[in-house]
């Protein structure tokens, strides 16, 4: 296993954040993360079918009143449609001074076109605990994907033909562990929808789900 490309290295020791190394799912590479939140953002993008590549520590230069500056974006994400987006991953209370916001504005105005289509700041308001949980479950389920269970569970859900609680669906399927794994693979592939009351709702055994072809 080899390290994924990055424009800088940093110490793995820190008194202010949880730094870690993680394998890139499905690849023989690993990435370094300066904080747990950066890693959670990466997991979110890894779980999306429209993402083809994620890179960490991408360098961009710009000019401000102090001269030429460097900024290292936490994530560089390439989407299947060819769009490239640079993300600065920060909890919302970490930029109270507005320094990061000013840096991103300078980059957009000066050099962004040489590196990406967009650059954005990601906070926990966008990458919620529910999204991180969903991403982790999808990534875990993909490692144990079983085509037979996947097909049978989706067929069962279509035969039921209406929204159903997760525990009821798993009871109908008959094997809870295999059914749970198949369900998350179907969610990851966009074939099952969690009928969540809001974006912060985590899917549980009492949640309502349906197949995406269902129409009320």
C-alpha atoms as a PDB file:
ATOM      1  CA  UNK A   1       0.000   0.000   0.000  1.00  0.00           C
ATOM      2  CA  UNK A   2       1.353   3.414  -1.008  1.00  0.00           C
ATOM      3  CA  UNK A   3       0.473   6.971   0.080  1.00  0.00           C
ATOM      4  CA  UNK A   4      -1.992   8.911  -2.057  1.00  0.00           C
ATOM      5  CA  UNK A   5      -0.552  12.040  -3.749  1.00  0.00           C
ATOM      6  CA  UNK A   6      -0.420  15.086  -1.458  1.00  0.00           C
ATOM      7  CA  UNK A   7       1.332  18.452  -1.725  1.00  0.00           C
ATOM      8  CA  UNK A   8       2.590  18.484   1.856  1.00  0.00           C
ATOM      9  CA  UNK A   9       3.284  16.260   4.825  1.00  0.00           C
ATOM     10  CA  UNK A  10       2.526  17.113   8.442  1.00  0.00           C
ATOM     11  CA  UNK A  11       3.321  15.749  11.849  1.00  0.00           C
ATOM     12  CA  UNK A  12       0.981  13.038  13.099  1.00  0.00           C
ATOM     13  CA  UNK A  13       1.342  14.456  16.618  1.00  0.00           C
ATOM     14  CA  UNK A  14      -1.038  17.227  17.641  1.00  0.00           C
ATOM     15  CA  UNK A  15      -2.496  18.568  20.863  1.00  0.00           C
ATOM     16  CA  UNK A  16      -5.457  20.227  19.137  1.00  0.00           C
ATOM     17  CA  UNK A  17      -6.807  17.636  16.656  1.00  0.00           C
ATOM     18  CA  UNK A  18      -7.067  13.914  15.997  1.00  0.00           C
ATOM     19  CA  UNK A  19      -4.700  13.095  13.134  1.00  0.00           C
ATOM     20  CA  UNK A  20      -5.010   9.782  11.380  1.00  0.00           C
ATOM     21  CA  UNK A  21      -4.156   7.603   8.394  1.00  0.00           C
ATOM     22  CA  UNK A  22      -6.879   5.792   6.438  1.00  0.00           C
ATOM     23  CA  UNK A  23      -6.934   3.416   3.498  1.00  0.00           C
ATOM     24  CA  UNK A  24      -8.714   4.616   0.366  1.00  0.00           C
ATOM     25  CA  UNK A  25     -11.638   2.176  -0.097  1.00  0.00           C
ATOM     26  CA  UNK A  26     -11.054  -0.151  -3.033  1.00  0.00           C
ATOM     27  CA  UNK A  27      -7.541   1.125  -3.746  1.00  0.00           C
ATOM     28  CA  UNK A  28      -4.045   0.188  -2.688  1.00  0.00           C
ATOM     29  CA  UNK A  29      -3.347   3.649  -1.256  1.00  0.00           C
ATOM     30  CA  UNK A  30      -3.764   5.507   2.007  1.00  0.00           C
ATOM     31  CA  UNK A  31      -4.319   9.157   2.941  1.00  0.00           C
ATOM     32  CA  UNK A  32      -3.310  11.385   5.853  1.00  0.00           C
ATOM     33  CA  UNK A  33      -5.899  13.523   7.632  1.00  0.00           C
ATOM     34  CA  UNK A  34      -5.250  16.430  10.000  1.00  0.00           C
ATOM     35  CA  UNK A  35      -8.532  15.995  11.856  1.00  0.00           C
ATOM     36  CA  UNK A  36     -11.353  13.546  12.411  1.00  0.00           C
ATOM     37  CA  UNK A  37     -13.750  15.906  10.631  1.00  0.00           C
ATOM     38  CA  UNK A  38     -11.589  15.875   7.473  1.00  0.00           C
ATOM     39  CA  UNK A  39     -11.710  12.078   7.530  1.00  0.00           C
ATOM     40  CA  UNK A  40     -15.490  12.115   7.983  1.00  0.00           C
ATOM     41  CA  UNK A  41     -15.840  14.429   4.975  1.00  0.00           C
ATOM     42  CA  UNK A  42     -13.686  12.041   2.934  1.00  0.00           C
ATOM     43  CA  UNK A  43     -15.887   9.117   3.979  1.00  0.00           C
ATOM     44  CA  UNK A  44     -18.929  11.030   2.779  1.00  0.00           C
ATOM     45  CA  UNK A  45     -17.390  11.533  -0.660  1.00  0.00           C
ATOM     46  CA  UNK A  46     -16.068   7.962  -0.845  1.00  0.00           C
ATOM     47  CA  UNK A  47     -19.621   6.697  -0.340  1.00  0.00           C
ATOM     48  CA  UNK A  48     -21.006   8.676  -3.288  1.00  0.00           C
ATOM     49  CA  UNK A  49     -21.270   6.922  -6.634  1.00  0.00           C
ATOM     50  CA  UNK A  50     -20.680  10.175  -8.527  1.00  0.00           C
ATOM     51  CA  UNK A  51     -17.200  10.662  -7.006  1.00  0.00           C
ATOM     52  CA  UNK A  52     -14.218   9.169  -8.847  1.00  0.00           C
ATOM     53  CA  UNK A  53     -11.267  10.508  -6.817  1.00  0.00           C
ATOM     54  CA  UNK A  54     -10.441  12.111  -3.473  1.00  0.00           C
ATOM     55  CA  UNK A  55      -7.057  13.678  -2.700  1.00  0.00           C
ATOM     56  CA  UNK A  56      -5.837  15.411   0.464  1.00  0.00           C
ATOM     57  CA  UNK A  57      -3.554  18.413   1.048  1.00  0.00           C
ATOM     58  CA  UNK A  58      -3.831  20.150  -2.330  1.00  0.00           C
ATOM     59  CA  UNK A  59      -1.720  23.322  -2.654  1.00  0.00           C
ATOM     60  CA  UNK A  60      -2.980  26.592  -4.185  1.00  0.00           C
ATOM     61  CA  UNK A  61      -1.185  29.950  -4.170  1.00  0.00           C
ATOM     62  CA  UNK A  62      -2.680  33.445  -4.035  1.00  0.00           C
ATOM     63  CA  UNK A  63      -1.673  36.992  -3.164  1.00  0.00           C
ATOM     64  CA  UNK A  64      -2.858  39.134  -0.279  1.00  0.00           C
ATOM     65  CA  UNK A  65      -1.589  42.288   1.466  1.00  0.00           C
ATOM     66  CA  UNK A  66       1.366  40.308   2.857  1.00  0.00           C
ATOM     67  CA  UNK A  67       2.480  38.939  -0.527  1.00  0.00           C
ATOM     68  CA  UNK A  68       2.348  35.451  -2.066  1.00  0.00           C
ATOM     69  CA  UNK A  69       0.611  32.910   0.146  1.00  0.00           C
ATOM     70  CA  UNK A  70      -0.052  29.174   0.072  1.00  0.00           C
ATOM     71  CA  UNK A  71      -3.237  27.435   1.083  1.00  0.00           C
ATOM     72  CA  UNK A  72      -3.559  23.662   1.375  1.00  0.00           C
ATOM     73  CA  UNK A  73      -7.086  22.435   0.731  1.00  0.00           C
ATOM     74  CA  UNK A  74      -8.067  19.494   2.886  1.00  0.00           C
ATOM     75  CA  UNK A  75      -9.795  17.660   0.030  1.00  0.00           C
ATOM     76  CA  UNK A  76      -9.680  17.730  -3.753  1.00  0.00           C
ATOM     77  CA  UNK A  77     -12.710  15.847  -5.095  1.00  0.00           C
ATOM     78  CA  UNK A  78     -13.203  14.804  -8.705  1.00  0.00           C
ATOM     79  CA  UNK A  79     -16.761  13.980  -9.769  1.00  0.00           C
ATOM     80  CA  UNK A  80     -17.869  11.623 -12.534  1.00  0.00           C
ATOM     81  CA  UNK A  81     -19.054  14.562 -14.655  1.00  0.00           C
ATOM     82  CA  UNK A  82     -15.501  15.946 -14.647  1.00  0.00           C
ATOM     83  CA  UNK A  83     -16.107  18.691 -12.091  1.00  0.00           C
ATOM     84  CA  UNK A  84     -13.239  19.296  -9.661  1.00  0.00           C
ATOM     85  CA  UNK A  85     -13.984  20.892  -6.291  1.00  0.00           C
ATOM     86  CA  UNK A  86     -11.557  21.932  -3.543  1.00  0.00           C
ATOM     87  CA  UNK A  87     -12.852  21.743   0.027  1.00  0.00           C
ATOM     88  CA  UNK A  88     -11.628  23.335   3.240  1.00  0.00           C
ATOM     89  CA  UNK A  89     -13.079  21.187   6.025  1.00  0.00           C
ATOM     90  CA  UNK A  90     -13.633  23.163   9.235  1.00  0.00           C
ATOM     91  CA  UNK A  91     -16.106  23.065  12.114  1.00  0.00           C
ATOM     92  CA  UNK A  92     -18.134  26.264  11.838  1.00  0.00           C
ATOM     93  CA  UNK A  93     -16.638  27.801  14.997  1.00  0.00           C
ATOM     94  CA  UNK A  94     -13.057  27.452  13.696  1.00  0.00           C
ATOM     95  CA  UNK A  95     -13.216  30.484  11.396  1.00  0.00           C
ATOM     96  CA  UNK A  96     -14.627  33.144  13.700  1.00  0.00           C
ATOM     97  CA  UNK A  97     -12.015  35.623  12.503  1.00  0.00           C
ATOM     98  CA  UNK A  98     -13.083  35.130   8.870  1.00  0.00           C
ATOM     99  CA  UNK A  99      -9.500  34.436   7.741  1.00  0.00           C
ATOM    100  CA  UNK A 100     -10.412  31.282   5.857  1.00  0.00           C
ATOM    101  CA  UNK A 101     -13.357  32.951   4.171  1.00  0.00           C
ATOM    102  CA  UNK A 102     -11.096  35.774   2.954  1.00  0.00           C
ATOM    103  CA  UNK A 103      -8.535  33.236   1.723  1.00  0.00           C
ATOM    104  CA  UNK A 104     -11.154  31.394  -0.316  1.00  0.00           C
ATOM    105  CA  UNK A 105     -12.378  34.657  -1.839  1.00  0.00           C
ATOM    106  CA  UNK A 106      -8.830  35.560  -2.891  1.00  0.00           C
ATOM    107  CA  UNK A 107      -8.314  32.138  -4.438  1.00  0.00           C
ATOM    108  CA  UNK A 108     -11.606  32.329  -6.331  1.00  0.00           C
ATOM    109  CA  UNK A 109     -10.679  35.742  -7.705  1.00  0.00           C
ATOM    110  CA  UNK A 110      -7.074  34.920  -8.603  1.00  0.00           C
ATOM    111  CA  UNK A 111      -5.982  31.339  -9.232  1.00  0.00           C
ATOM    112  CA  UNK A 112      -8.871  28.925  -8.811  1.00  0.00           C
ATOM    113  CA  UNK A 113      -9.358  28.486 -12.573  1.00  0.00           C
ATOM    114  CA  UNK A 114      -5.936  26.826 -12.797  1.00  0.00           C
ATOM    115  CA  UNK A 115      -6.876  24.163 -10.239  1.00  0.00           C
ATOM    116  CA  UNK A 116     -10.594  23.455  -9.982  1.00  0.00           C
ATOM    117  CA  UNK A 117     -14.115  24.493 -10.906  1.00  0.00           C
ATOM    118  CA  UNK A 118     -15.097  25.504  -7.385  1.00  0.00           C
ATOM    119  CA  UNK A 119     -13.718  25.836  -3.867  1.00  0.00           C
ATOM    120  CA  UNK A 120     -15.904  25.651  -0.789  1.00  0.00           C
ATOM    121  CA  UNK A 121     -15.765  25.450   2.987  1.00  0.00           C
ATOM    122  CA  UNK A 122     -17.404  22.375   4.514  1.00  0.00           C
ATOM    123  CA  UNK A 123     -18.733  22.504   8.066  1.00  0.00           C
ATOM    124  CA  UNK A 124     -20.751  20.100  10.196  1.00  0.00           C
ATOM    125  CA  UNK A 125     -23.859  21.950   9.002  1.00  0.00           C
ATOM    126  CA  UNK A 126     -23.280  20.393   5.558  1.00  0.00           C
ATOM    127  CA  UNK A 127     -21.636  17.126   6.600  1.00  0.00           C
ATOM    128  CA  UNK A 128     -23.919  16.160   9.459  1.00  0.00           C
ATOM    129  CA  UNK A 129     -23.577  13.232  11.864  1.00  0.00           C
ATOM    130  CA  UNK A 130     -26.401  11.521   9.970  1.00  0.00           C
ATOM    131  CA  UNK A 131     -24.517  11.817   6.663  1.00  0.00           C
ATOM    132  CA  UNK A 132     -21.316  10.503   8.245  1.00  0.00           C
ATOM    133  CA  UNK A 133     -23.167   7.547   9.750  1.00  0.00           C
ATOM    134  CA  UNK A 134     -24.790   6.833   6.379  1.00  0.00           C
ATOM    135  CA  UNK A 135     -21.426   6.979   4.617  1.00  0.00           C
ATOM    136  CA  UNK A 136     -19.788   4.625   7.121  1.00  0.00           C
ATOM    137  CA  UNK A 137     -22.585   2.083   6.782  1.00  0.00           C
ATOM    138  CA  UNK A 138     -22.457   2.222   2.980  1.00  0.00           C
ATOM    139  CA  UNK A 139     -18.676   1.786   2.923  1.00  0.00           C
ATOM    140  CA  UNK A 140     -18.835  -1.085   5.409  1.00  0.00           C
ATOM    141  CA  UNK A 141     -21.630  -2.812   3.455  1.00  0.00           C
ATOM    142  CA  UNK A 142     -19.734  -2.590   0.168  1.00  0.00           C
ATOM    143  CA  UNK A 143     -16.925  -4.684   1.613  1.00  0.00           C
ATOM    144  CA  UNK A 144     -19.384  -7.539   2.261  1.00  0.00           C
ATOM    145  CA  UNK A 145     -21.669  -7.123  -0.742  1.00  0.00           C
ATOM    146  CA  UNK A 146     -23.666 -10.248  -1.620  1.00  0.00           C
ATOM    147  CA  UNK A 147     -25.429 -10.127  -4.982  1.00  0.00           C
ATOM    148  CA  UNK A 148     -28.002 -12.773  -4.057  1.00  0.00           C
ATOM    149  CA  UNK A 149     -29.104 -11.008  -0.870  1.00  0.00           C
ATOM    150  CA  UNK A 150     -29.022  -7.639  -2.639  1.00  0.00           C
ATOM    151  CA  UNK A 151     -31.365  -8.859  -5.394  1.00  0.00           C
ATOM    152  CA  UNK A 152     -33.720 -10.719  -3.071  1.00  0.00           C
ATOM    153  CA  UNK A 153     -34.127  -7.820  -0.650  1.00  0.00           C
ATOM    154  CA  UNK A 154     -34.867  -5.354  -3.418  1.00  0.00           C
ATOM    155  CA  UNK A 155     -37.362  -7.781  -4.983  1.00  0.00           C
ATOM    156  CA  UNK A 156     -39.062  -8.165  -1.592  1.00  0.00           C
ATOM    157  CA  UNK A 157     -39.284  -4.410  -1.075  1.00  0.00           C
ATOM    158  CA  UNK A 158     -40.820  -3.928  -4.527  1.00  0.00           C
ATOM    159  CA  UNK A 159     -43.365  -6.685  -3.843  1.00  0.00           C
ATOM    160  CA  UNK A 160     -44.375  -4.963  -0.602  1.00  0.00           C
ATOM    161  CA  UNK A 161     -44.907  -1.883  -2.767  1.00  0.00           C
ATOM    162  CA  UNK A 162     -45.130   0.769  -0.071  1.00  0.00           C
ATOM    163  CA  UNK A 163     -43.039   2.345   2.703  1.00  0.00           C
ATOM    164  CA  UNK A 164     -42.103  -0.061   5.480  1.00  0.00           C
ATOM    165  CA  UNK A 165     -40.179   0.134   8.714  1.00  0.00           C
ATOM    166  CA  UNK A 166     -36.663  -1.303   8.585  1.00  0.00           C
ATOM    167  CA  UNK A 167     -37.276  -3.956  11.248  1.00  0.00           C
ATOM    168  CA  UNK A 168     -40.390  -5.177   9.421  1.00  0.00           C
ATOM    169  CA  UNK A 169     -38.471  -5.519   6.169  1.00  0.00           C
ATOM    170  CA  UNK A 170     -35.686  -7.446   7.904  1.00  0.00           C
ATOM    171  CA  UNK A 171     -38.261  -9.741   9.529  1.00  0.00           C
ATOM    172  CA  UNK A 172     -39.779 -10.444   6.107  1.00  0.00           C
ATOM    173  CA  UNK A 173     -36.328 -11.123   4.665  1.00  0.00           C
ATOM    174  CA  UNK A 174     -35.568 -13.598   7.439  1.00  0.00           C
ATOM    175  CA  UNK A 175     -31.844 -12.959   7.992  1.00  0.00           C
ATOM    176  CA  UNK A 176     -31.283  -9.716   9.842  1.00  0.00           C
ATOM    177  CA  UNK A 177     -27.520  -9.396   9.375  1.00  0.00           C
ATOM    178  CA  UNK A 178     -27.576 -10.272   5.684  1.00  0.00           C
ATOM    179  CA  UNK A 179     -30.636  -8.104   5.155  1.00  0.00           C
ATOM    180  CA  UNK A 180     -29.087  -5.098   6.933  1.00  0.00           C
ATOM    181  CA  UNK A 181     -25.993  -5.342   4.741  1.00  0.00           C
ATOM    182  CA  UNK A 182     -28.045  -5.699   1.549  1.00  0.00           C
ATOM    183  CA  UNK A 183     -30.225  -2.740   2.569  1.00  0.00           C
ATOM    184  CA  UNK A 184     -27.216  -0.440   2.947  1.00  0.00           C
ATOM    185  CA  UNK A 185     -25.831  -1.535  -0.410  1.00  0.00           C
ATOM    186  CA  UNK A 186     -29.186  -0.698  -1.993  1.00  0.00           C
ATOM    187  CA  UNK A 187     -29.221   2.673  -0.229  1.00  0.00           C
ATOM    188  CA  UNK A 188     -25.694   3.334  -1.464  1.00  0.00           C
ATOM    189  CA  UNK A 189     -26.758   2.508  -5.022  1.00  0.00           C
ATOM    190  CA  UNK A 190     -29.747   4.846  -4.798  1.00  0.00           C
ATOM    191  CA  UNK A 191     -32.389   2.101  -4.993  1.00  0.00           C
ATOM    192  CA  UNK A 192     -33.732   2.508  -1.451  1.00  0.00           C
ATOM    193  CA  UNK A 193     -34.734   5.809   0.119  1.00  0.00           C
ATOM    194  CA  UNK A 194     -34.758   6.643   3.822  1.00  0.00           C
ATOM    195  CA  UNK A 195     -37.937   8.613   4.532  1.00  0.00           C
ATOM    196  CA  UNK A 196     -36.234  10.834   7.060  1.00  0.00           C
ATOM    197  CA  UNK A 197     -38.101  13.712   8.742  1.00  0.00           C
ATOM    198  CA  UNK A 198     -34.994  15.908   8.337  1.00  0.00           C
ATOM    199  CA  UNK A 199     -31.358  15.824   7.236  1.00  0.00           C
ATOM    200  CA  UNK A 200     -30.157  15.110  10.772  1.00  0.00           C
ATOM    201  CA  UNK A 201     -32.120  11.862  11.153  1.00  0.00           C
ATOM    202  CA  UNK A 202     -30.071   8.671  11.427  1.00  0.00           C
ATOM    203  CA  UNK A 203     -31.540   5.509   9.944  1.00  0.00           C
ATOM    204  CA  UNK A 204     -32.483   2.977  12.631  1.00  0.00           C
ATOM    205  CA  UNK A 205     -34.531  -0.210  12.817  1.00  0.00           C
ATOM    206  CA  UNK A 206     -37.673   1.880  13.345  1.00  0.00           C
ATOM    207  CA  UNK A 207     -37.067   4.186  10.362  1.00  0.00           C
ATOM    208  CA  UNK A 208     -39.294   4.147   7.288  1.00  0.00           C
ATOM    209  CA  UNK A 209     -37.797   3.218   3.913  1.00  0.00           C
ATOM    210  CA  UNK A 210     -39.098   2.599   0.405  1.00  0.00           C
ATOM    211  CA  UNK A 211     -37.755   1.684  -2.997  1.00  0.00           C
ATOM    212  CA  UNK A 212     -37.234   4.701  -5.214  1.00  0.00           C
ATOM    213  CA  UNK A 213     -39.832   3.663  -7.780  1.00  0.00           C
ATOM    214  CA  UNK A 214     -42.651   3.981  -5.249  1.00  0.00           C
ATOM    215  CA  UNK A 215     -45.216   6.702  -5.969  1.00  0.00           C
ATOM    216  CA  UNK A 216     -47.911   7.683  -3.474  1.00  0.00           C
END
